[in-house]
Amino acid sequence: MAERRNLHKQYVKVRADHEIGGRVVPLMFRAEDGEAQHIDKIVFVCEAPSLKAGGQGTRYTCRIGGCELYLFHDRDDWFIEVG
């Protein structure tokens, strides 16, 4: 896994569906020290950088319990923006 020094990046483990066409659909994630968060809805998906945390990859705008957050898939890593 990548270095863990960026304070705006929180690495997470993701459970996802992999569709036949190659599309990845994240269903839930778990922070290294936290409980599982189920994703209620994927609002938007695009290729975009994380402006706060750095990194390039697929950005999933996720709705969880009425709040939205950015979940990124960057090569082999998954992370969310924090702070």
N, C-alpha and C. Protein backbone atom coordinates (compact mmCIF):
# COMPACT_ATOMS: atom_id res chain seq x y z
N MET A 1 0.83 -1.18 0.00
CA MET A 1 0.00 0.00 0.00
C MET A 1 0.87 1.24 0.00
N ALA A 2 0.32 2.35 -0.41
CA ALA A 2 1.05 3.61 -0.51
C ALA A 2 1.40 4.15 0.88
N GLU A 3 2.29 5.16 0.88
CA GLU A 3 2.66 5.80 2.14
C GLU A 3 1.44 6.40 2.82
N ARG A 4 1.49 6.49 4.14
CA ARG A 4 0.35 6.94 4.93
C ARG A 4 0.59 8.30 5.57
N ARG A 5 1.32 9.20 4.91
CA ARG A 5 1.70 10.46 5.53
C ARG A 5 0.75 11.60 5.28
N ASN A 6 -0.08 11.54 4.29
CA ASN A 6 -0.95 12.65 3.94
C ASN A 6 -2.13 12.74 4.91
N LEU A 7 -2.26 13.87 5.61
CA LEU A 7 -3.31 14.03 6.61
C LEU A 7 -4.70 14.16 6.01
N HIS A 8 -4.79 14.42 4.71
CA HIS A 8 -6.09 14.57 4.05
C HIS A 8 -6.58 13.26 3.42
N LYS A 9 -5.76 12.21 3.54
CA LYS A 9 -6.12 10.90 2.98
C LYS A 9 -6.37 9.93 4.10
N GLN A 10 -7.51 9.25 4.05
CA GLN A 10 -7.77 8.16 4.98
C GLN A 10 -7.97 6.91 4.13
N TYR A 11 -7.01 5.99 4.22
CA TYR A 11 -7.11 4.77 3.44
C TYR A 11 -8.21 3.89 4.01
N VAL A 12 -8.93 3.23 3.12
CA VAL A 12 -10.04 2.39 3.51
C VAL A 12 -9.99 1.07 2.73
N LYS A 13 -10.65 0.07 3.29
CA LYS A 13 -10.86 -1.20 2.59
C LYS A 13 -12.27 -1.14 2.03
N VAL A 14 -12.42 -1.55 0.79
CA VAL A 14 -13.70 -1.42 0.09
C VAL A 14 -14.22 -2.77 -0.34
N ARG A 15 -15.52 -2.99 -0.14
CA ARG A 15 -16.21 -4.13 -0.72
C ARG A 15 -16.97 -3.59 -1.91
N ALA A 16 -16.77 -4.22 -3.08
CA ALA A 16 -17.36 -3.70 -4.30
C ALA A 16 -17.85 -4.83 -5.19
N ASP A 17 -18.82 -4.50 -6.04
CA ASP A 17 -19.24 -5.40 -7.11
C ASP A 17 -18.41 -5.07 -8.34
N HIS A 18 -18.09 -6.11 -9.08
CA HIS A 18 -17.36 -5.93 -10.35
C HIS A 18 -18.28 -6.46 -11.44
N GLU A 19 -18.79 -5.53 -12.24
CA GLU A 19 -19.75 -5.91 -13.28
C GLU A 19 -19.05 -6.50 -14.49
N ILE A 20 -19.78 -7.21 -15.30
CA ILE A 20 -19.22 -7.90 -16.47
C ILE A 20 -18.49 -6.95 -17.40
N GLY A 21 -19.00 -5.75 -17.58
CA GLY A 21 -18.36 -4.76 -18.45
C GLY A 21 -17.12 -4.13 -17.87
N GLY A 22 -16.73 -4.50 -16.66
CA GLY A 22 -15.53 -3.97 -16.03
C GLY A 22 -15.78 -2.84 -15.05
N ARG A 23 -17.01 -2.40 -14.93
CA ARG A 23 -17.34 -1.31 -14.00
C ARG A 23 -17.25 -1.81 -12.56
N VAL A 24 -16.64 -0.98 -11.70
CA VAL A 24 -16.53 -1.28 -10.28
C VAL A 24 -17.56 -0.44 -9.53
N VAL A 25 -18.35 -1.09 -8.69
CA VAL A 25 -19.39 -0.40 -7.91
C VAL A 25 -19.12 -0.62 -6.43
N PRO A 26 -18.56 0.39 -5.72
CA PRO A 26 -18.31 0.21 -4.29
C PRO A 26 -19.63 0.12 -3.52
N LEU A 27 -19.68 -0.81 -2.57
CA LEU A 27 -20.89 -1.03 -1.76
C LEU A 27 -20.73 -0.55 -0.33
N MET A 28 -19.52 -0.67 0.20
CA MET A 28 -19.24 -0.27 1.58
C MET A 28 -17.74 -0.09 1.73
N PHE A 29 -17.34 0.60 2.80
CA PHE A 29 -15.92 0.72 3.10
C PHE A 29 -15.72 0.68 4.60
N ARG A 30 -14.48 0.36 4.97
CA ARG A 30 -14.10 0.31 6.39
C ARG A 30 -12.74 0.98 6.52
N ALA A 31 -12.66 1.98 7.40
CA ALA A 31 -11.38 2.59 7.71
C ALA A 31 -10.55 1.59 8.49
N GLU A 32 -9.24 1.79 8.52
CA GLU A 32 -8.37 0.84 9.20
C GLU A 32 -8.72 0.68 10.68
N ASP A 33 -9.26 1.73 11.29
CA ASP A 33 -9.57 1.67 12.72
C ASP A 33 -11.06 1.89 13.01
N GLY A 34 -11.91 1.75 11.99
CA GLY A 34 -13.31 2.09 12.19
C GLY A 34 -14.28 1.00 11.80
N GLU A 35 -15.54 1.35 11.92
CA GLU A 35 -16.60 0.40 11.57
C GLU A 35 -16.96 0.56 10.09
N ALA A 36 -17.69 -0.41 9.59
CA ALA A 36 -18.09 -0.40 8.18
C ALA A 36 -19.12 0.69 7.92
N GLN A 37 -18.99 1.36 6.79
CA GLN A 37 -19.94 2.38 6.35
C GLN A 37 -20.56 1.89 5.04
N HIS A 38 -21.84 1.66 5.04
CA HIS A 38 -22.53 1.22 3.83
C HIS A 38 -22.85 2.43 2.96
N ILE A 39 -22.60 2.30 1.69
CA ILE A 39 -22.85 3.39 0.74
C ILE A 39 -24.31 3.29 0.31
N ASP A 40 -25.08 4.35 0.59
CA ASP A 40 -26.49 4.37 0.23
C ASP A 40 -26.68 4.56 -1.27
N LYS A 41 -25.85 5.42 -1.86
CA LYS A 41 -26.02 5.73 -3.29
C LYS A 41 -24.72 6.29 -3.85
N ILE A 42 -24.39 5.87 -5.07
CA ILE A 42 -23.30 6.50 -5.82
C ILE A 42 -23.95 7.61 -6.63
N VAL A 43 -23.61 8.86 -6.32
CA VAL A 43 -24.23 10.01 -6.96
C VAL A 43 -23.59 10.31 -8.31
N PHE A 44 -22.24 10.17 -8.38
CA PHE A 44 -21.52 10.54 -9.59
C PHE A 44 -20.19 9.81 -9.60
N VAL A 45 -19.70 9.46 -10.80
CA VAL A 45 -18.41 8.80 -10.97
C VAL A 45 -17.66 9.51 -12.08
N CYS A 46 -16.38 9.83 -11.84
CA CYS A 46 -15.56 10.44 -12.89
C CYS A 46 -14.09 10.19 -12.59
N GLU A 47 -13.25 10.41 -13.59
CA GLU A 47 -11.81 10.37 -13.40
C GLU A 47 -11.39 11.76 -12.95
N ALA A 48 -10.83 11.87 -11.75
CA ALA A 48 -10.50 13.18 -11.22
C ALA A 48 -9.45 13.06 -10.13
N PRO A 49 -8.65 14.12 -9.95
CA PRO A 49 -7.69 14.12 -8.85
C PRO A 49 -8.36 14.49 -7.54
N SER A 50 -7.75 14.08 -6.46
CA SER A 50 -8.17 14.54 -5.14
C SER A 50 -7.45 15.85 -4.88
N LEU A 51 -8.19 16.94 -4.81
CA LEU A 51 -7.57 18.25 -4.66
C LEU A 51 -6.93 18.43 -3.28
N LYS A 52 -7.53 17.88 -2.24
CA LYS A 52 -6.98 18.00 -0.89
C LYS A 52 -5.87 16.97 -0.64
N ALA A 53 -6.10 15.75 -1.05
CA ALA A 53 -5.22 14.66 -0.66
C ALA A 53 -4.18 14.29 -1.70
N GLY A 54 -4.31 14.77 -2.92
CA GLY A 54 -3.41 14.37 -3.98
C GLY A 54 -3.79 12.99 -4.50
N GLY A 55 -3.21 12.62 -5.60
CA GLY A 55 -3.53 11.32 -6.20
C GLY A 55 -4.50 11.49 -7.36
N GLN A 56 -4.48 10.55 -8.25
CA GLN A 56 -5.33 10.58 -9.44
C GLN A 56 -6.02 9.24 -9.54
N GLY A 57 -7.25 9.24 -9.97
CA GLY A 57 -7.95 7.98 -10.13
C GLY A 57 -9.43 8.21 -10.33
N THR A 58 -10.19 7.20 -10.03
CA THR A 58 -11.64 7.28 -10.17
C THR A 58 -12.22 7.86 -8.88
N ARG A 59 -13.01 8.93 -9.03
CA ARG A 59 -13.65 9.55 -7.86
C ARG A 59 -15.12 9.16 -7.86
N TYR A 60 -15.56 8.58 -6.75
CA TYR A 60 -16.95 8.22 -6.54
C TYR A 60 -17.53 9.21 -5.54
N THR A 61 -18.54 9.95 -5.94
CA THR A 61 -19.26 10.80 -5.01
C THR A 61 -20.34 9.92 -4.39
N CYS A 62 -20.22 9.67 -3.08
CA CYS A 62 -21.07 8.71 -2.39
C CYS A 62 -21.98 9.41 -1.39
N ARG A 63 -23.19 8.93 -1.26
CA ARG A 63 -24.10 9.40 -0.22
C ARG A 63 -24.19 8.33 0.85
N ILE A 64 -23.90 8.76 2.08
CA ILE A 64 -23.93 7.87 3.23
C ILE A 64 -24.69 8.60 4.33
N GLY A 65 -25.86 8.09 4.68
CA GLY A 65 -26.65 8.69 5.75
C GLY A 65 -26.96 10.16 5.54
N GLY A 66 -27.24 10.57 4.31
CA GLY A 66 -27.59 11.95 4.03
C GLY A 66 -26.40 12.86 3.77
N CYS A 67 -25.18 12.39 3.99
CA CYS A 67 -23.97 13.19 3.73
C CYS A 67 -23.28 12.65 2.48
N GLU A 68 -22.55 13.54 1.80
CA GLU A 68 -21.78 13.11 0.64
C GLU A 68 -20.30 13.18 0.95
N LEU A 69 -19.55 12.22 0.39
CA LEU A 69 -18.09 12.23 0.50
C LEU A 69 -17.49 11.70 -0.78
N TYR A 70 -16.21 12.00 -0.95
CA TYR A 70 -15.48 11.51 -2.12
C TYR A 70 -14.69 10.27 -1.73
N LEU A 71 -14.91 9.20 -2.46
CA LEU A 71 -14.18 7.95 -2.33
C LEU A 71 -13.35 7.79 -3.61
N PHE A 72 -12.05 7.59 -3.45
CA PHE A 72 -11.16 7.48 -4.60
C PHE A 72 -10.58 6.08 -4.73
N HIS A 73 -10.45 5.64 -5.98
CA HIS A 73 -9.77 4.39 -6.31
C HIS A 73 -8.57 4.79 -7.15
N ASP A 74 -7.38 4.70 -6.55
CA ASP A 74 -6.14 5.14 -7.19
C ASP A 74 -5.20 3.94 -7.26
N ARG A 75 -5.08 3.34 -8.43
CA ARG A 75 -4.31 2.11 -8.66
C ARG A 75 -4.83 0.99 -7.76
N ASP A 76 -4.03 0.58 -6.77
CA ASP A 76 -4.45 -0.51 -5.88
C ASP A 76 -5.05 -0.02 -4.58
N ASP A 77 -5.08 1.29 -4.38
CA ASP A 77 -5.53 1.85 -3.11
C ASP A 77 -6.90 2.51 -3.22
N TRP A 78 -7.62 2.49 -2.11
CA TRP A 78 -8.88 3.21 -1.95
C TRP A 78 -8.69 4.18 -0.79
N PHE A 79 -9.18 5.42 -0.95
CA PHE A 79 -9.10 6.36 0.16
C PHE A 79 -10.24 7.36 0.06
N ILE A 80 -10.51 8.01 1.19
CA ILE A 80 -11.48 9.10 1.23
C ILE A 80 -10.73 10.37 1.60
N GLU A 81 -11.27 11.52 1.15
CA GLU A 81 -10.72 12.81 1.54
C GLU A 81 -11.23 13.16 2.93
N VAL A 82 -10.36 13.65 3.78
CA VAL A 82 -10.76 14.11 5.11
C VAL A 82 -10.16 15.49 5.36
N GLY A 83 -10.77 16.21 6.29
CA GLY A 83 -10.26 17.52 6.71
C GLY A 83 -10.42 18.52 5.68
